[in-house]
């Protein structure tokens, strides 16, 4: 297995929840130049959504990531179907256990934003567990790219703007909805109380 000391040694350290030190595209270009042709080809499999990856069975860290993410998504789907009292015609994989537990924990949270943050943290921890002990091996490179993608996604969350958009959408729905004969009043967005 190849060792990529010069590539890995120059990379800024990544910390969950902090800023993105470089774009994932810049990293793909840098790593593509330093990796062997076979290892560089696996960079295409380093995506957050396995459905967006090229066809074929990935190997190494991307394969473990796909298995984990697939279990997470199927279990989230199962919990959503159960909550909506709908039948689901698929088997949610029971393994990896930490992916199943992450889906259950996130689904139990009331706030969709907190649930999403919980899932992102679980994804980060899963990727870190896949890196292995070879600090300068190819799995470290793949994990770095996946972590960059998570940091980029995390940077897109802007709670204040999201809440403002939520209030705007909610107000437009309430203004468009006719008041029924039941005498329903408006509901304050901030307090959730009827007025």
N, C-alpha and C. Protein backbone atom coordinates (compact mmCIF):
# COMPACT_ATOMS: atom_id res chain seq x y z
N UNK A 1 0.84 -1.17 0.00
CA UNK A 1 0.00 0.00 0.00
C UNK A 1 0.89 1.24 0.00
N UNK A 2 0.50 2.24 -0.76
CA UNK A 2 1.28 3.47 -0.90
C UNK A 2 1.20 4.31 0.36
N UNK A 3 2.29 5.04 0.60
CA UNK A 3 2.34 6.00 1.70
C UNK A 3 2.41 7.39 1.10
N UNK A 4 1.59 8.28 1.62
CA UNK A 4 1.50 9.63 1.06
C UNK A 4 1.92 10.66 2.11
N UNK A 5 3.15 10.49 2.58
CA UNK A 5 3.67 11.35 3.64
C UNK A 5 3.62 12.82 3.23
N UNK A 6 4.12 13.15 2.06
CA UNK A 6 4.23 14.56 1.67
C UNK A 6 2.87 15.21 1.47
N UNK A 7 1.91 14.44 1.05
CA UNK A 7 0.55 14.98 0.91
C UNK A 7 -0.09 15.20 2.27
N UNK A 8 -0.10 14.18 3.11
CA UNK A 8 -0.79 14.25 4.40
C UNK A 8 -0.11 15.23 5.34
N UNK A 9 1.22 15.29 5.32
CA UNK A 9 1.95 16.16 6.24
C UNK A 9 1.67 17.63 6.01
N UNK A 10 1.29 18.02 4.81
CA UNK A 10 1.06 19.44 4.54
C UNK A 10 -0.39 19.88 4.76
N UNK A 11 -1.26 18.95 5.11
CA UNK A 11 -2.67 19.28 5.25
C UNK A 11 -2.98 19.94 6.59
N UNK A 12 -3.81 20.99 6.57
CA UNK A 12 -4.24 21.59 7.84
C UNK A 12 -5.09 20.60 8.63
N UNK A 13 -4.98 20.65 9.93
CA UNK A 13 -5.75 19.76 10.79
C UNK A 13 -7.22 20.15 10.74
N UNK A 14 -8.10 19.16 10.65
CA UNK A 14 -9.53 19.42 10.59
C UNK A 14 -10.17 19.17 11.94
N UNK A 15 -11.04 20.09 12.34
CA UNK A 15 -11.78 19.96 13.59
C UNK A 15 -13.26 20.13 13.27
N UNK A 16 -14.06 19.19 13.76
CA UNK A 16 -15.49 19.25 13.49
C UNK A 16 -16.07 20.58 13.98
N UNK A 17 -16.88 21.19 13.14
CA UNK A 17 -17.57 22.43 13.51
C UNK A 17 -16.78 23.70 13.25
N UNK A 18 -15.52 23.58 12.89
CA UNK A 18 -14.73 24.77 12.60
C UNK A 18 -14.76 25.04 11.10
N UNK A 19 -14.11 26.12 10.71
CA UNK A 19 -14.12 26.54 9.31
C UNK A 19 -13.44 25.54 8.39
N UNK A 20 -13.69 25.74 7.10
CA UNK A 20 -13.12 24.88 6.07
C UNK A 20 -11.79 25.51 5.63
N UNK A 21 -10.66 24.82 5.85
CA UNK A 21 -9.36 25.40 5.50
C UNK A 21 -9.07 25.43 4.00
N UNK A 22 -9.76 24.58 3.25
CA UNK A 22 -9.62 24.55 1.79
C UNK A 22 -10.87 23.89 1.23
N UNK A 23 -11.19 24.18 0.00
CA UNK A 23 -12.38 23.58 -0.59
C UNK A 23 -12.12 22.11 -0.92
N UNK A 24 -13.19 21.35 -0.99
CA UNK A 24 -13.05 19.94 -1.35
C UNK A 24 -12.53 19.81 -2.78
N UNK A 25 -12.91 20.74 -3.65
CA UNK A 25 -12.43 20.70 -5.04
C UNK A 25 -10.92 20.95 -5.10
N UNK A 26 -10.45 21.91 -4.31
CA UNK A 26 -9.00 22.18 -4.28
C UNK A 26 -8.25 20.96 -3.75
N UNK A 27 -8.84 20.31 -2.73
CA UNK A 27 -8.18 19.12 -2.19
C UNK A 27 -8.19 17.98 -3.21
N UNK A 28 -9.31 17.80 -3.92
CA UNK A 28 -9.35 16.75 -4.95
C UNK A 28 -8.24 16.97 -5.98
N UNK A 29 -8.04 18.21 -6.40
CA UNK A 29 -7.01 18.51 -7.39
C UNK A 29 -5.62 18.21 -6.81
N UNK A 30 -5.37 18.65 -5.58
CA UNK A 30 -4.08 18.41 -4.94
C UNK A 30 -3.82 16.91 -4.77
N UNK A 31 -4.80 16.21 -4.23
CA UNK A 31 -4.63 14.78 -3.99
C UNK A 31 -4.52 14.01 -5.30
N UNK A 32 -5.26 14.43 -6.31
CA UNK A 32 -5.21 13.75 -7.60
C UNK A 32 -3.82 13.76 -8.21
N UNK A 33 -3.05 14.81 -7.93
CA UNK A 33 -1.68 14.91 -8.44
C UNK A 33 -0.71 14.03 -7.65
N UNK A 34 -1.00 13.81 -6.37
CA UNK A 34 -0.05 13.11 -5.49
C UNK A 34 -0.32 11.60 -5.36
N UNK A 35 -1.55 11.19 -5.60
CA UNK A 35 -1.91 9.78 -5.44
C UNK A 35 -1.54 8.98 -6.68
N UNK A 36 -1.38 7.69 -6.49
CA UNK A 36 -1.20 6.80 -7.65
C UNK A 36 -2.50 6.84 -8.46
N UNK A 37 -2.44 6.42 -9.71
CA UNK A 37 -3.62 6.47 -10.58
C UNK A 37 -4.78 5.68 -9.99
N UNK A 38 -4.50 4.51 -9.46
CA UNK A 38 -5.56 3.67 -8.88
C UNK A 38 -6.17 4.30 -7.64
N UNK A 39 -5.32 4.84 -6.76
CA UNK A 39 -5.83 5.49 -5.56
C UNK A 39 -6.56 6.78 -5.89
N UNK A 40 -6.08 7.53 -6.88
CA UNK A 40 -6.73 8.77 -7.29
C UNK A 40 -8.12 8.50 -7.86
N UNK A 41 -8.29 7.37 -8.54
CA UNK A 41 -9.60 7.04 -9.10
C UNK A 41 -10.65 6.87 -8.01
N UNK A 42 -10.23 6.45 -6.82
CA UNK A 42 -11.18 6.25 -5.73
C UNK A 42 -11.65 7.57 -5.11
N UNK A 43 -11.00 8.67 -5.44
CA UNK A 43 -11.47 9.97 -4.96
C UNK A 43 -12.89 10.26 -5.45
N UNK A 44 -13.24 9.73 -6.62
CA UNK A 44 -14.60 9.94 -7.14
C UNK A 44 -15.65 9.28 -6.27
N UNK A 45 -15.26 8.29 -5.49
CA UNK A 45 -16.20 7.62 -4.60
C UNK A 45 -16.34 8.33 -3.25
N UNK A 46 -15.54 9.34 -3.02
CA UNK A 46 -15.59 10.09 -1.76
C UNK A 46 -16.64 11.18 -1.88
N UNK A 47 -17.88 10.81 -1.67
CA UNK A 47 -19.02 11.72 -1.71
C UNK A 47 -19.89 11.42 -0.49
N UNK A 48 -20.64 12.42 -0.05
CA UNK A 48 -21.48 12.22 1.14
C UNK A 48 -22.69 11.35 0.83
N UNK A 49 -23.21 11.46 -0.38
CA UNK A 49 -24.38 10.67 -0.78
C UNK A 49 -23.93 9.56 -1.72
N UNK A 50 -23.97 8.31 -1.27
CA UNK A 50 -23.52 7.21 -2.12
C UNK A 50 -24.24 7.13 -3.47
N UNK A 51 -25.46 7.66 -3.54
CA UNK A 51 -26.20 7.63 -4.80
C UNK A 51 -25.54 8.51 -5.87
N UNK A 52 -24.71 9.45 -5.45
CA UNK A 52 -24.05 10.35 -6.39
C UNK A 52 -22.69 9.84 -6.85
N UNK A 53 -22.28 8.71 -6.33
CA UNK A 53 -20.98 8.13 -6.68
C UNK A 53 -21.06 7.40 -8.01
N UNK A 54 -19.91 7.18 -8.65
CA UNK A 54 -19.90 6.38 -9.87
C UNK A 54 -20.40 4.96 -9.59
N UNK A 55 -20.80 4.28 -10.63
CA UNK A 55 -21.25 2.89 -10.47
C UNK A 55 -20.05 2.00 -10.18
N UNK A 56 -20.32 0.94 -9.49
CA UNK A 56 -19.26 0.00 -9.15
C UNK A 56 -19.10 -0.04 -7.64
N UNK A 57 -18.54 -1.12 -7.18
CA UNK A 57 -18.37 -1.29 -5.74
C UNK A 57 -17.07 -0.64 -5.30
N UNK A 58 -17.15 0.39 -4.46
CA UNK A 58 -15.92 1.01 -3.98
C UNK A 58 -15.20 0.10 -2.99
N UNK A 59 -13.93 0.31 -2.89
CA UNK A 59 -13.11 -0.46 -1.95
C UNK A 59 -12.48 0.51 -0.97
N UNK A 60 -11.75 -0.03 -0.04
CA UNK A 60 -11.05 0.76 0.97
C UNK A 60 -12.05 1.58 1.78
N UNK A 61 -11.64 2.72 2.25
CA UNK A 61 -12.48 3.55 3.10
C UNK A 61 -13.79 3.95 2.43
N UNK A 62 -13.82 4.34 1.16
CA UNK A 62 -15.13 4.68 0.57
C UNK A 62 -16.15 3.55 0.66
N UNK A 63 -15.72 2.32 0.57
CA UNK A 63 -16.65 1.19 0.70
C UNK A 63 -17.24 1.10 2.10
N UNK A 64 -16.40 1.27 3.12
CA UNK A 64 -16.90 1.24 4.50
C UNK A 64 -17.84 2.43 4.74
N UNK A 65 -17.49 3.60 4.17
CA UNK A 65 -18.33 4.78 4.30
C UNK A 65 -19.70 4.53 3.67
N UNK A 66 -19.74 3.96 2.47
CA UNK A 66 -21.02 3.69 1.80
C UNK A 66 -21.89 2.75 2.63
N UNK A 67 -21.28 1.72 3.18
CA UNK A 67 -22.03 0.77 4.00
C UNK A 67 -22.63 1.49 5.20
N UNK A 68 -21.84 2.34 5.86
CA UNK A 68 -22.30 3.06 7.04
C UNK A 68 -23.42 4.04 6.68
N UNK A 69 -23.21 4.83 5.65
CA UNK A 69 -24.18 5.84 5.24
C UNK A 69 -25.48 5.19 4.75
N UNK A 70 -25.35 4.08 4.07
CA UNK A 70 -26.54 3.36 3.59
C UNK A 70 -27.37 2.88 4.77
N UNK A 71 -26.72 2.32 5.78
CA UNK A 71 -27.44 1.86 6.97
C UNK A 71 -28.11 3.04 7.68
N UNK A 72 -27.42 4.15 7.77
CA UNK A 72 -27.99 5.34 8.40
C UNK A 72 -29.24 5.78 7.66
N UNK A 73 -29.16 5.92 6.36
CA UNK A 73 -30.28 6.41 5.56
C UNK A 73 -31.47 5.45 5.58
N UNK A 74 -31.21 4.17 5.48
CA UNK A 74 -32.31 3.21 5.51
C UNK A 74 -33.00 3.22 6.87
N UNK A 75 -32.23 3.34 7.94
CA UNK A 75 -32.84 3.37 9.27
C UNK A 75 -33.60 4.67 9.51
N UNK A 76 -33.10 5.79 9.00
CA UNK A 76 -33.86 7.03 9.08
C UNK A 76 -35.18 6.89 8.33
N UNK A 77 -35.14 6.27 7.16
CA UNK A 77 -36.36 6.03 6.39
C UNK A 77 -37.35 5.16 7.14
N UNK A 78 -36.82 4.15 7.82
CA UNK A 78 -37.68 3.26 8.60
C UNK A 78 -38.35 4.03 9.72
N UNK A 79 -37.60 4.85 10.45
CA UNK A 79 -38.18 5.63 11.55
C UNK A 79 -39.21 6.63 11.04
N UNK A 80 -38.94 7.26 9.91
CA UNK A 80 -39.91 8.20 9.33
C UNK A 80 -41.20 7.48 8.94
N UNK A 81 -41.05 6.31 8.31
CA UNK A 81 -42.23 5.54 7.89
C UNK A 81 -43.04 5.12 9.11
N UNK A 82 -42.37 4.70 10.16
CA UNK A 82 -43.08 4.31 11.38
C UNK A 82 -43.84 5.49 11.98
N UNK A 83 -43.20 6.65 12.01
CA UNK A 83 -43.83 7.84 12.57
C UNK A 83 -45.06 8.23 11.77
N UNK A 84 -44.99 8.09 10.46
CA UNK A 84 -46.11 8.45 9.59
C UNK A 84 -47.12 7.31 9.43
N UNK A 85 -46.84 6.20 10.13
CA UNK A 85 -47.68 5.01 10.07
C UNK A 85 -47.86 4.51 8.64
N UNK A 86 -46.77 4.44 7.96
CA UNK A 86 -46.76 3.93 6.58
C UNK A 86 -45.96 2.64 6.53
N UNK A 87 -46.33 1.82 5.59
CA UNK A 87 -45.58 0.58 5.38
C UNK A 87 -44.26 0.92 4.71
N UNK A 88 -43.25 0.18 5.05
CA UNK A 88 -41.99 0.32 4.33
C UNK A 88 -41.59 -1.06 3.85
N UNK A 89 -41.24 -1.10 2.56
CA UNK A 89 -40.99 -2.39 1.91
C UNK A 89 -39.51 -2.71 1.78
N UNK A 90 -38.72 -2.17 2.66
CA UNK A 90 -37.28 -2.43 2.59
C UNK A 90 -36.80 -2.86 3.96
N UNK A 91 -35.72 -3.59 3.96
CA UNK A 91 -35.10 -4.00 5.21
C UNK A 91 -34.03 -3.00 5.57
N UNK A 92 -34.16 -2.38 6.71
CA UNK A 92 -33.12 -1.47 7.19
C UNK A 92 -32.02 -2.32 7.80
N UNK A 93 -30.80 -2.16 7.30
CA UNK A 93 -29.71 -3.01 7.81
C UNK A 93 -29.44 -2.76 9.29
N UNK A 94 -29.22 -3.82 10.07
CA UNK A 94 -28.94 -3.66 11.50
C UNK A 94 -27.48 -3.32 11.80
N UNK A 95 -26.64 -3.35 10.77
CA UNK A 95 -25.21 -3.06 10.95
C UNK A 95 -24.77 -2.05 9.90
N UNK A 96 -23.82 -1.24 10.17
CA UNK A 96 -23.08 -1.05 11.41
C UNK A 96 -23.97 -0.49 12.53
N UNK A 97 -23.75 -0.98 13.71
CA UNK A 97 -24.58 -0.64 14.86
C UNK A 97 -24.54 0.85 15.16
N UNK A 98 -23.38 1.48 15.00
CA UNK A 98 -23.30 2.91 15.31
C UNK A 98 -24.11 3.76 14.33
N UNK A 99 -24.28 3.30 13.09
CA UNK A 99 -25.12 4.01 12.13
C UNK A 99 -26.58 3.90 12.52
N UNK A 100 -26.99 2.72 12.97
CA UNK A 100 -28.37 2.51 13.41
C UNK A 100 -28.64 3.36 14.65
N UNK A 101 -27.70 3.39 15.58
CA UNK A 101 -27.86 4.19 16.80
C UNK A 101 -27.91 5.68 16.48
N UNK A 102 -27.12 6.12 15.51
CA UNK A 102 -27.13 7.54 15.12
C UNK A 102 -28.47 7.93 14.54
N UNK A 103 -29.06 7.06 13.73
CA UNK A 103 -30.38 7.34 13.16
C UNK A 103 -31.43 7.44 14.26
N UNK A 104 -31.39 6.52 15.20
CA UNK A 104 -32.36 6.52 16.29
C UNK A 104 -32.21 7.76 17.16
N UNK A 105 -30.98 8.12 17.49
CA UNK A 105 -30.74 9.28 18.35
C UNK A 105 -31.18 10.58 17.66
N UNK A 106 -30.88 10.72 16.39
CA UNK A 106 -31.26 11.92 15.66
C UNK A 106 -32.77 12.02 15.51
N UNK A 107 -33.42 10.91 15.28
CA UNK A 107 -34.86 10.92 15.09
C UNK A 107 -35.59 11.28 16.38
N UNK A 108 -34.97 11.02 17.51
CA UNK A 108 -35.59 11.33 18.80
C UNK A 108 -35.52 12.82 19.14
N UNK A 109 -34.69 13.57 18.45
CA UNK A 109 -34.55 15.00 18.73
C UNK A 109 -35.73 15.78 18.15
N UNK A 110 -36.18 16.78 18.88
CA UNK A 110 -37.32 17.60 18.45
C UNK A 110 -36.93 18.56 17.33
N UNK A 111 -35.79 19.19 17.45
CA UNK A 111 -35.36 20.21 16.50
C UNK A 111 -34.73 19.56 15.27
N UNK A 112 -35.24 19.85 14.07
CA UNK A 112 -34.62 19.31 12.86
C UNK A 112 -33.16 19.75 12.71
N UNK A 113 -32.85 20.98 13.13
CA UNK A 113 -31.47 21.46 13.04
C UNK A 113 -30.56 20.66 13.97
N UNK A 114 -31.02 20.45 15.20
CA UNK A 114 -30.23 19.65 16.15
C UNK A 114 -30.08 18.22 15.67
N UNK A 115 -31.12 17.67 15.06
CA UNK A 115 -31.04 16.32 14.52
C UNK A 115 -30.01 16.25 13.40
N UNK A 116 -30.00 17.28 12.54
CA UNK A 116 -29.03 17.31 11.46
C UNK A 116 -27.61 17.43 12.00
N UNK A 117 -27.42 18.27 13.02
CA UNK A 117 -26.10 18.39 13.63
C UNK A 117 -25.68 17.07 14.28
N UNK A 118 -26.62 16.38 14.88
CA UNK A 118 -26.33 15.09 15.49
C UNK A 118 -25.87 14.08 14.43
N UNK A 119 -26.55 14.09 13.29
CA UNK A 119 -26.17 13.19 12.20
C UNK A 119 -24.80 13.55 11.63
N UNK A 120 -24.54 14.85 11.49
CA UNK A 120 -23.24 15.27 10.97
C UNK A 120 -22.11 14.84 11.91
N UNK A 121 -22.33 14.98 13.21
CA UNK A 121 -21.30 14.58 14.18
C UNK A 121 -21.08 13.06 14.13
N UNK A 122 -22.17 12.31 13.99
CA UNK A 122 -22.04 10.85 13.89
C UNK A 122 -21.29 10.46 12.63
N UNK A 123 -21.56 11.16 11.53
CA UNK A 123 -20.84 10.90 10.28
C UNK A 123 -19.35 11.19 10.47
N UNK A 124 -19.04 12.30 11.09
CA UNK A 124 -17.64 12.68 11.34
C UNK A 124 -16.93 11.58 12.14
N UNK A 125 -17.58 11.14 13.21
CA UNK A 125 -16.98 10.11 14.06
C UNK A 125 -16.81 8.79 13.31
N UNK A 126 -17.77 8.46 12.45
CA UNK A 126 -17.66 7.22 11.67
C UNK A 126 -16.47 7.30 10.71
N UNK A 127 -16.34 8.42 10.03
CA UNK A 127 -15.21 8.59 9.10
C UNK A 127 -13.90 8.49 9.85
N UNK A 128 -13.82 9.13 11.01
CA UNK A 128 -12.59 9.06 11.82
C UNK A 128 -12.27 7.62 12.20
N UNK A 129 -13.30 6.82 12.47
CA UNK A 129 -13.06 5.43 12.86
C UNK A 129 -12.57 4.59 11.68
N UNK A 130 -12.86 5.01 10.45
CA UNK A 130 -12.44 4.27 9.26
C UNK A 130 -10.99 4.57 8.86
N UNK A 131 -10.42 5.64 9.38
CA UNK A 131 -9.09 6.06 8.95
C UNK A 131 -8.00 5.02 9.21
N UNK A 132 -8.15 4.28 10.27
CA UNK A 132 -7.16 3.26 10.58
C UNK A 132 -5.92 3.85 11.24
N UNK A 133 -4.89 3.04 11.32
CA UNK A 133 -3.68 3.45 12.03
C UNK A 133 -2.57 3.93 11.10
N UNK A 134 -2.72 3.73 9.82
CA UNK A 134 -1.71 4.19 8.87
C UNK A 134 -1.94 5.67 8.58
N UNK A 135 -1.26 6.51 9.33
CA UNK A 135 -1.51 7.95 9.27
C UNK A 135 -1.25 8.54 7.89
N UNK A 136 -0.38 7.94 7.13
CA UNK A 136 -0.03 8.49 5.82
C UNK A 136 -0.52 7.63 4.65
N UNK A 137 -1.46 6.74 4.93
CA UNK A 137 -2.01 5.87 3.90
C UNK A 137 -3.16 6.52 3.14
N UNK A 138 -3.63 5.80 2.14
CA UNK A 138 -4.68 6.34 1.28
C UNK A 138 -5.99 6.56 2.02
N UNK A 139 -6.29 5.72 3.02
CA UNK A 139 -7.53 5.91 3.76
C UNK A 139 -7.55 7.24 4.49
N UNK A 140 -6.40 7.69 4.92
CA UNK A 140 -6.33 9.01 5.58
C UNK A 140 -6.69 10.10 4.58
N UNK A 141 -6.28 9.95 3.35
CA UNK A 141 -6.58 10.93 2.29
C UNK A 141 -8.08 10.93 2.00
N UNK A 142 -8.66 9.75 1.87
CA UNK A 142 -10.10 9.66 1.59
C UNK A 142 -10.91 10.23 2.76
N UNK A 143 -10.49 9.93 3.98
CA UNK A 143 -11.19 10.45 5.16
C UNK A 143 -11.11 11.97 5.20
N UNK A 144 -9.96 12.51 4.82
CA UNK A 144 -9.79 13.96 4.83
C UNK A 144 -10.77 14.61 3.86
N UNK A 145 -10.91 14.03 2.70
CA UNK A 145 -11.85 14.58 1.71
C UNK A 145 -13.28 14.50 2.22
N UNK A 146 -13.68 13.38 2.78
CA UNK A 146 -15.03 13.25 3.31
C UNK A 146 -15.28 14.25 4.45
N UNK A 147 -14.28 14.45 5.29
CA UNK A 147 -14.43 15.43 6.37
C UNK A 147 -14.54 16.85 5.82
N UNK A 148 -13.78 17.15 4.78
CA UNK A 148 -13.92 18.47 4.14
C UNK A 148 -15.34 18.66 3.60
N UNK A 149 -15.88 17.63 2.99
CA UNK A 149 -17.25 17.71 2.48
C UNK A 149 -18.25 17.95 3.61
N UNK A 150 -18.03 17.30 4.75
CA UNK A 150 -18.91 17.53 5.90
C UNK A 150 -18.78 18.96 6.42
N UNK A 151 -17.55 19.47 6.48
CA UNK A 151 -17.35 20.85 6.94
C UNK A 151 -18.00 21.85 5.98
N UNK A 152 -17.90 21.58 4.69
CA UNK A 152 -18.55 22.46 3.71
C UNK A 152 -20.06 22.44 3.90
N UNK A 153 -20.61 21.27 4.11
CA UNK A 153 -22.05 21.16 4.33
C UNK A 153 -22.45 21.86 5.62
N UNK A 154 -21.67 21.68 6.66
CA UNK A 154 -21.94 22.31 7.95
C UNK A 154 -21.92 23.83 7.83
N UNK A 155 -21.04 24.35 7.01
CA UNK A 155 -20.93 25.80 6.82
C UNK A 155 -22.17 26.38 6.15
N UNK A 156 -22.94 25.55 5.47
CA UNK A 156 -24.16 26.02 4.82
C UNK A 156 -25.30 26.28 5.80
N UNK A 157 -25.21 25.70 7.00
CA UNK A 157 -26.26 25.90 7.99
C UNK A 157 -26.12 27.29 8.61
N UNK A 158 -27.15 28.06 8.46
CA UNK A 158 -27.17 29.38 9.08
C UNK A 158 -28.49 29.46 9.83
N UNK A 159 -28.45 29.24 11.13
CA UNK A 159 -29.66 29.12 11.94
C UNK A 159 -30.53 30.37 11.87
N UNK A 160 -29.92 31.54 11.97
CA UNK A 160 -30.72 32.77 11.97
C UNK A 160 -31.46 32.95 10.65
N UNK A 161 -30.76 32.74 9.55
CA UNK A 161 -31.41 32.87 8.25
C UNK A 161 -32.48 31.80 8.07
N UNK A 162 -32.22 30.61 8.55
CA UNK A 162 -33.20 29.54 8.45
C UNK A 162 -34.45 29.85 9.25
N UNK A 163 -34.28 30.38 10.47
CA UNK A 163 -35.43 30.71 11.29
C UNK A 163 -36.21 31.87 10.66
N UNK A 164 -35.51 32.83 10.10
CA UNK A 164 -36.17 33.94 9.42
C UNK A 164 -36.99 33.43 8.24
N UNK A 165 -36.42 32.53 7.46
CA UNK A 165 -37.14 31.95 6.33
C UNK A 165 -38.34 31.15 6.80
N UNK A 166 -38.15 30.42 7.89
CA UNK A 166 -39.26 29.65 8.47
C UNK A 166 -40.40 30.58 8.86
N UNK A 167 -40.09 31.71 9.52
CA UNK A 167 -41.13 32.66 9.93
C UNK A 167 -41.86 33.22 8.72
N UNK A 168 -41.12 33.52 7.66
CA UNK A 168 -41.73 34.07 6.45
C UNK A 168 -42.69 33.05 5.83
N UNK A 169 -42.24 31.82 5.69
CA UNK A 169 -43.08 30.77 5.10
C UNK A 169 -44.29 30.50 5.99
N UNK A 170 -44.07 30.43 7.29
CA UNK A 170 -45.16 30.16 8.22
C UNK A 170 -46.20 31.27 8.17
N UNK A 171 -45.75 32.53 8.14
CA UNK A 171 -46.67 33.67 8.08
C UNK A 171 -47.48 33.64 6.79
N UNK A 172 -46.83 33.30 5.67
CA UNK A 172 -47.57 33.25 4.41
C UNK A 172 -48.61 32.14 4.41
N UNK A 173 -48.31 31.03 5.04
CA UNK A 173 -49.29 29.95 5.15
C UNK A 173 -50.46 30.38 6.02
N UNK A 174 -50.16 31.00 7.16
CA UNK A 174 -51.21 31.43 8.06
C UNK A 174 -52.07 32.53 7.42
N UNK A 175 -51.46 33.42 6.65
CA UNK A 175 -52.22 34.48 5.99
C UNK A 175 -53.09 33.92 4.87
N UNK A 176 -52.63 32.86 4.22
CA UNK A 176 -53.38 32.27 3.11
C UNK A 176 -54.49 31.35 3.59
N UNK A 177 -54.35 30.81 4.79
CA UNK A 177 -55.35 29.86 5.31
C UNK A 177 -56.56 30.63 5.82
N UNK A 178 -57.75 30.24 5.38
CA UNK A 178 -58.95 30.92 5.88
C UNK A 178 -59.21 30.52 7.33
N UNK A 179 -59.72 31.46 8.09
CA UNK A 179 -60.08 31.14 9.47
C UNK A 179 -61.39 30.38 9.42
N UNK A 180 -61.41 29.21 9.95
CA UNK A 180 -62.60 28.36 9.91
C UNK A 180 -63.65 28.79 10.91
N UNK A 181 -64.80 28.18 10.83
CA UNK A 181 -65.91 28.48 11.73
C UNK A 181 -65.58 28.08 13.16
N UNK A 182 -64.53 27.28 13.32
CA UNK A 182 -64.15 26.85 14.66
C UNK A 182 -63.53 27.98 15.45
N UNK A 183 -63.29 29.13 14.81
CA UNK A 183 -62.75 30.28 15.52
C UNK A 183 -61.28 30.17 15.82
N UNK A 184 -60.53 29.55 14.93
CA UNK A 184 -59.09 29.42 15.16
C UNK A 184 -58.44 30.77 14.98
N UNK A 185 -57.60 31.13 15.88
CA UNK A 185 -56.88 32.39 15.79
C UNK A 185 -55.50 32.15 15.26
N UNK A 186 -54.76 33.22 15.10
CA UNK A 186 -53.38 33.11 14.65
C UNK A 186 -52.52 32.56 15.77
N UNK A 187 -51.44 31.97 15.40
CA UNK A 187 -50.51 31.45 16.38
C UNK A 187 -49.24 32.26 16.30
N UNK A 188 -48.76 32.72 17.43
CA UNK A 188 -47.53 33.50 17.47
C UNK A 188 -46.37 32.58 17.14
N UNK A 189 -45.55 32.99 16.19
CA UNK A 189 -44.42 32.16 15.78
C UNK A 189 -43.41 32.04 16.90
N UNK A 190 -43.14 33.14 17.59
CA UNK A 190 -42.12 33.12 18.65
C UNK A 190 -42.54 32.25 19.83
N UNK A 191 -43.79 32.39 20.28
CA UNK A 191 -44.19 31.68 21.49
C UNK A 191 -44.94 30.38 21.23
N UNK A 192 -45.53 30.26 20.02
CA UNK A 192 -46.30 29.06 19.72
C UNK A 192 -47.66 29.07 20.38
N UNK A 193 -48.08 30.22 20.96
CA UNK A 193 -49.36 30.32 21.64
C UNK A 193 -50.41 30.90 20.72
N UNK A 194 -51.63 30.46 20.89
CA UNK A 194 -52.75 30.99 20.12
C UNK A 194 -53.09 32.38 20.61
N UNK A 195 -53.46 33.27 19.65
CA UNK A 195 -53.87 34.62 20.03
C UNK A 195 -55.31 34.86 19.66
